Amino acid sequence: MMDFLKEMWHFLRVRKKLWLAPLIVIMIMLGGLLIFVEGSVLAPFIYSIF
C-alpha cells in the first residue's frame, strides 16, 4: 500500500498534476463515509445529499 502511495505522489509531482491530490483525498473521504454509515440510521440522510 505504501508503494502505491509513493508511486501516486511521484506521478502527480512529475506530471504537474498536484491539483488532483485534493480531489483524490475528497473522493477517498466520501467513499469511507459511505462505507462507514452504510448500515446505520444516518444512511438515508447521507444518500439524500447525493
PDB file of N, CA and C in Angstrom:
ATOM      1  N   MET A   1       0.831  -1.196   0.000  1.00  0.00           N
ATOM      2  CA  MET A   1       0.000   0.000   0.000  1.00  0.00           C
ATOM      3  C   MET A   1       0.874   1.259   0.000  1.00  0.00           C
ATOM      4  N   MET A   2       1.945   1.224   0.769  1.00  0.00           N
ATOM      5  CA  MET A   2       2.811   2.396   0.846  1.00  0.00           C
ATOM      6  C   MET A   2       3.515   2.648  -0.491  1.00  0.00           C
ATOM      7  N   ASP A   3       3.876   1.570  -1.192  1.00  0.00           N
ATOM      8  CA  ASP A   3       4.493   1.725  -2.508  1.00  0.00           C
ATOM      9  C   ASP A   3       3.536   2.398  -3.484  1.00  0.00           C
ATOM     10  N   PHE A   4       2.260   2.035  -3.391  1.00  0.00           N
ATOM     11  CA  PHE A   4       1.254   2.639  -4.269  1.00  0.00           C
ATOM     12  C   PHE A   4       1.149   4.142  -4.004  1.00  0.00           C
ATOM     13  N   LEU A   5       1.140   4.531  -2.733  1.00  0.00           N
ATOM     14  CA  LEU A   5       1.035   5.954  -2.397  1.00  0.00           C
ATOM     15  C   LEU A   5       2.274   6.719  -2.863  1.00  0.00           C
ATOM     16  N   LYS A   6       3.448   6.119  -2.691  1.00  0.00           N
ATOM     17  CA  LYS A   6       4.674   6.773  -3.162  1.00  0.00           C
ATOM     18  C   LYS A   6       4.653   6.931  -4.679  1.00  0.00           C
ATOM     19  N   GLU A   7       4.219   5.894  -5.367  1.00  0.00           N
ATOM     20  CA  GLU A   7       4.160   5.946  -6.824  1.00  0.00           C
ATOM     21  C   GLU A   7       3.137   6.977  -7.299  1.00  0.00           C
ATOM     22  N   MET A   8       1.996   7.044  -6.616  1.00  0.00           N
ATOM     23  CA  MET A   8       0.968   8.023  -6.974  1.00  0.00           C
ATOM     24  C   MET A   8       1.485   9.442  -6.760  1.00  0.00           C
ATOM     25  N   TRP A   9       2.158   9.680  -5.633  1.00  0.00           N
ATOM     26  CA  TRP A   9       2.709  11.006  -5.354  1.00  0.00           C
ATOM     27  C   TRP A   9       3.756  11.382  -6.400  1.00  0.00           C
ATOM     28  N   HIS A  10       4.602  10.417  -6.756  1.00  0.00           N
ATOM     29  CA  HIS A  10       5.634  10.667  -7.766  1.00  0.00           C
ATOM     30  C   HIS A  10       4.980  11.002  -9.112  1.00  0.00           C
ATOM     31  N   PHE A  11       3.953  10.271  -9.490  1.00  0.00           N
ATOM     32  CA  PHE A  11       3.235  10.541 -10.738  1.00  0.00           C
ATOM     33  C   PHE A  11       2.650  11.951 -10.738  1.00  0.00           C
ATOM     34  N   LEU A  12       1.986  12.333  -9.630  1.00  0.00           N
ATOM     35  CA  LEU A  12       1.368  13.655  -9.558  1.00  0.00           C
ATOM     36  C   LEU A  12       2.418  14.758  -9.630  1.00  0.00           C
ATOM     37  N   ARG A  13       3.563  14.534  -8.984  1.00  0.00           N
ATOM     38  CA  ARG A  13       4.612  15.540  -8.963  1.00  0.00           C
ATOM     39  C   ARG A  13       5.290  15.678 -10.328  1.00  0.00           C
ATOM     40  N   VAL A  14       5.607  14.566 -10.952  1.00  0.00           N
ATOM     41  CA  VAL A  14       6.317  14.595 -12.236  1.00  0.00           C
ATOM     42  C   VAL A  14       5.426  15.155 -13.347  1.00  0.00           C
ATOM     43  N   ARG A  15       4.170  14.759 -13.365  1.00  0.00           N
ATOM     44  CA  ARG A  15       3.249  15.190 -14.436  1.00  0.00           C
ATOM     45  C   ARG A  15       2.614  16.548 -14.169  1.00  0.00           C
ATOM     46  N   LYS A  16       3.009  17.188 -13.065  1.00  0.00           N
ATOM     47  CA  LYS A  16       2.456  18.503 -12.683  1.00  0.00           C
ATOM     48  C   LYS A  16       0.942  18.446 -12.499  1.00  0.00           C
ATOM     49  N   LYS A  17       0.486  17.388 -11.863  1.00  0.00           N
ATOM     50  CA  LYS A  17      -0.946  17.204 -11.630  1.00  0.00           C
ATOM     51  C   LYS A  17      -1.264  17.285 -10.142  1.00  0.00           C
ATOM     52  N   LEU A  18      -0.560  18.140  -9.401  1.00  0.00           N
ATOM     53  CA  LEU A  18      -0.784  18.232  -7.967  1.00  0.00           C
ATOM     54  C   LEU A  18      -2.189  18.736  -7.634  1.00  0.00           C
ATOM     55  N   TRP A  19      -2.841  19.383  -8.577  1.00  0.00           N
ATOM     56  CA  TRP A  19      -4.198  19.851  -8.333  1.00  0.00           C
ATOM     57  C   TRP A  19      -5.170  18.688  -8.174  1.00  0.00           C
ATOM     58  N   LEU A  20      -4.775  17.479  -8.606  1.00  0.00           N
ATOM     59  CA  LEU A  20      -5.631  16.300  -8.451  1.00  0.00           C
ATOM     60  C   LEU A  20      -5.610  15.747  -7.025  1.00  0.00           C
ATOM     61  N   ALA A  21      -4.577  16.058  -6.263  1.00  0.00           N
ATOM     62  CA  ALA A  21      -4.437  15.500  -4.917  1.00  0.00           C
ATOM     63  C   ALA A  21      -5.650  15.806  -4.028  1.00  0.00           C
ATOM     64  N   PRO A  22      -6.131  17.052  -3.930  1.00  0.00           N
ATOM     65  CA  PRO A  22      -7.316  17.298  -3.104  1.00  0.00           C
ATOM     66  C   PRO A  22      -8.555  16.539  -3.580  1.00  0.00           C
ATOM     67  N   LEU A  23      -8.706  16.397  -4.891  1.00  0.00           N
ATOM     68  CA  LEU A  23      -9.855  15.657  -5.417  1.00  0.00           C
ATOM     69  C   LEU A  23      -9.794  14.186  -5.014  1.00  0.00           C
ATOM     70  N   ILE A  24      -8.610  13.611  -5.075  1.00  0.00           N
ATOM     71  CA  ILE A  24      -8.444  12.208  -4.688  1.00  0.00           C
ATOM     72  C   ILE A  24      -8.741  12.034  -3.212  1.00  0.00           C
ATOM     73  N   VAL A  25      -8.253  12.952  -2.378  1.00  0.00           N
ATOM     74  CA  VAL A  25      -8.490  12.866  -0.934  1.00  0.00           C
ATOM     75  C   VAL A  25      -9.981  12.983  -0.627  1.00  0.00           C
ATOM     76  N   ILE A  26     -10.668  13.902  -1.285  1.00  0.00           N
ATOM     77  CA  ILE A  26     -12.108  14.078  -1.051  1.00  0.00           C
ATOM     78  C   ILE A  26     -12.880  12.835  -1.489  1.00  0.00           C
ATOM     79  N   MET A  27     -12.492  12.249  -2.617  1.00  0.00           N
ATOM     80  CA  MET A  27     -13.172  11.031  -3.079  1.00  0.00           C
ATOM     81  C   MET A  27     -12.965   9.879  -2.096  1.00  0.00           C
ATOM     82  N   ILE A  28     -11.765   9.752  -1.554  1.00  0.00           N
ATOM     83  CA  ILE A  28     -11.495   8.700  -0.572  1.00  0.00           C
ATOM     84  C   ILE A  28     -12.299   8.942   0.700  1.00  0.00           C
ATOM     85  N   MET A  29     -12.384  10.206   1.136  1.00  0.00           N
ATOM     86  CA  MET A  29     -13.158  10.513   2.346  1.00  0.00           C
ATOM     87  C   MET A  29     -14.643  10.228   2.141  1.00  0.00           C
ATOM     88  N   LEU A  30     -15.198  10.609   0.998  1.00  0.00           N
ATOM     89  CA  LEU A  30     -16.616  10.339   0.730  1.00  0.00           C
ATOM     90  C   LEU A  30     -16.884   8.840   0.642  1.00  0.00           C
ATOM     91  N   GLY A  31     -15.973   8.109   0.013  1.00  0.00           N
ATOM     92  CA  GLY A  31     -16.120   6.652  -0.056  1.00  0.00           C
ATOM     93  C   GLY A  31     -16.084   6.027   1.325  1.00  0.00           C
ATOM     94  N   GLY A  32     -15.160   6.476   2.158  1.00  0.00           N
ATOM     95  CA  GLY A  32     -15.085   5.972   3.533  1.00  0.00           C
ATOM     96  C   GLY A  32     -16.334   6.312   4.330  1.00  0.00           C
ATOM     97  N   LEU A  33     -16.857   7.520   4.133  1.00  0.00           N
ATOM     98  CA  LEU A  33     -18.084   7.915   4.824  1.00  0.00           C
ATOM     99  C   LEU A  33     -19.257   7.030   4.416  1.00  0.00           C
ATOM    100  N   LEU A  34     -19.387   6.760   3.130  1.00  0.00           N
ATOM    101  CA  LEU A  34     -20.485   5.916   2.659  1.00  0.00           C
ATOM    102  C   LEU A  34     -20.362   4.491   3.182  1.00  0.00           C
ATOM    103  N   ILE A  35     -19.143   3.979   3.264  1.00  0.00           N
ATOM    104  CA  ILE A  35     -18.950   2.635   3.805  1.00  0.00           C
ATOM    105  C   ILE A  35     -19.233   2.613   5.299  1.00  0.00           C
ATOM    106  N   PHE A  36     -18.816   3.678   5.991  1.00  0.00           N
ATOM    107  CA  PHE A  36     -18.987   3.745   7.447  1.00  0.00           C
ATOM    108  C   PHE A  36     -20.454   3.806   7.860  1.00  0.00           C
ATOM    109  N   VAL A  37     -21.272   4.563   7.140  1.00  0.00           N
ATOM    110  CA  VAL A  37     -22.674   4.747   7.538  1.00  0.00           C
ATOM    111  C   VAL A  37     -23.630   3.858   6.745  1.00  0.00           C
ATOM    112  N   GLU A  38     -23.109   2.871   6.068  1.00  0.00           N
ATOM    113  CA  GLU A  38     -23.949   2.042   5.195  1.00  0.00           C
ATOM    114  C   GLU A  38     -25.107   1.388   5.949  1.00  0.00           C
ATOM    115  N   GLY A  39     -24.852   0.838   7.113  1.00  0.00           N
ATOM    116  CA  GLY A  39     -25.901   0.139   7.833  1.00  0.00           C
ATOM    117  C   GLY A  39     -26.470   0.923   8.996  1.00  0.00           C
ATOM    118  N   SER A  40     -26.157   2.191   9.082  1.00  0.00           N
ATOM    119  CA  SER A  40     -26.602   2.960  10.246  1.00  0.00           C
ATOM    120  C   SER A  40     -27.893   3.722   9.948  1.00  0.00           C
ATOM    121  N   VAL A  41     -28.353   4.421  10.960  1.00  0.00           N
ATOM    122  CA  VAL A  41     -29.572   5.221  10.836  1.00  0.00           C
ATOM    123  C   VAL A  41     -29.318   6.452   9.973  1.00  0.00           C
ATOM    124  N   LEU A  42     -28.066   6.877   9.857  1.00  0.00           N
ATOM    125  CA  LEU A  42     -27.746   8.082   9.087  1.00  0.00           C
ATOM    126  C   LEU A  42     -27.745   7.853   7.582  1.00  0.00           C
ATOM    127  N   ALA A  43     -27.804   6.620   7.148  1.00  0.00           N
ATOM    128  CA  ALA A  43     -27.704   6.304   5.724  1.00  0.00           C
ATOM    129  C   ALA A  43     -28.716   7.065   4.857  1.00  0.00           C
ATOM    130  N   PRO A  44     -29.991   7.144   5.227  1.00  0.00           N
ATOM    131  CA  PRO A  44     -30.928   7.891   4.359  1.00  0.00           C
ATOM    132  C   PRO A  44     -30.560   9.354   4.210  1.00  0.00           C
ATOM    133  N   PHE A  45     -29.995   9.962   5.244  1.00  0.00           N
ATOM    134  CA  PHE A  45     -29.628  11.362   5.164  1.00  0.00           C
ATOM    135  C   PHE A  45     -28.405  11.573   4.270  1.00  0.00           C
ATOM    136  N   ILE A  46     -27.448  10.646   4.346  1.00  0.00           N
ATOM    137  CA  ILE A  46     -26.258  10.749   3.512  1.00  0.00           C
ATOM    138  C   ILE A  46     -26.649  10.537   2.047  1.00  0.00           C
ATOM    139  N   TYR A  47     -27.483   9.561   1.758  1.00  0.00           N
ATOM    140  CA  TYR A  47     -27.865   9.283   0.377  1.00  0.00           C
ATOM    141  C   TYR A  47     -28.738  10.382  -0.216  1.00  0.00           C
ATOM    142  N   SER A  48     -29.467  11.100   0.643  1.00  0.00           N
ATOM    143  CA  SER A  48     -30.292  12.191   0.115  1.00  0.00           C
ATOM    144  C   SER A  48     -29.445  13.371  -0.337  1.00  0.00           C
ATOM    145  N   ILE A  49     -28.219  13.487   0.158  1.00  0.00           N
ATOM    146  CA  ILE A  49     -27.322  14.564  -0.276  1.00  0.00           C
ATOM    147  C   ILE A  49     -26.949  14.351  -1.732  1.00  0.00           C
ATOM    148  N   PHE A  50     -26.760  13.110  -2.115  1.00  0.00           N
ATOM    149  CA  PHE A  50     -26.336  12.797  -3.476  1.00  0.00           C
ATOM    150  C   PHE A  50     -27.532  12.527  -4.353  1.00  0.00           C
TER     151      PHE A  50
END
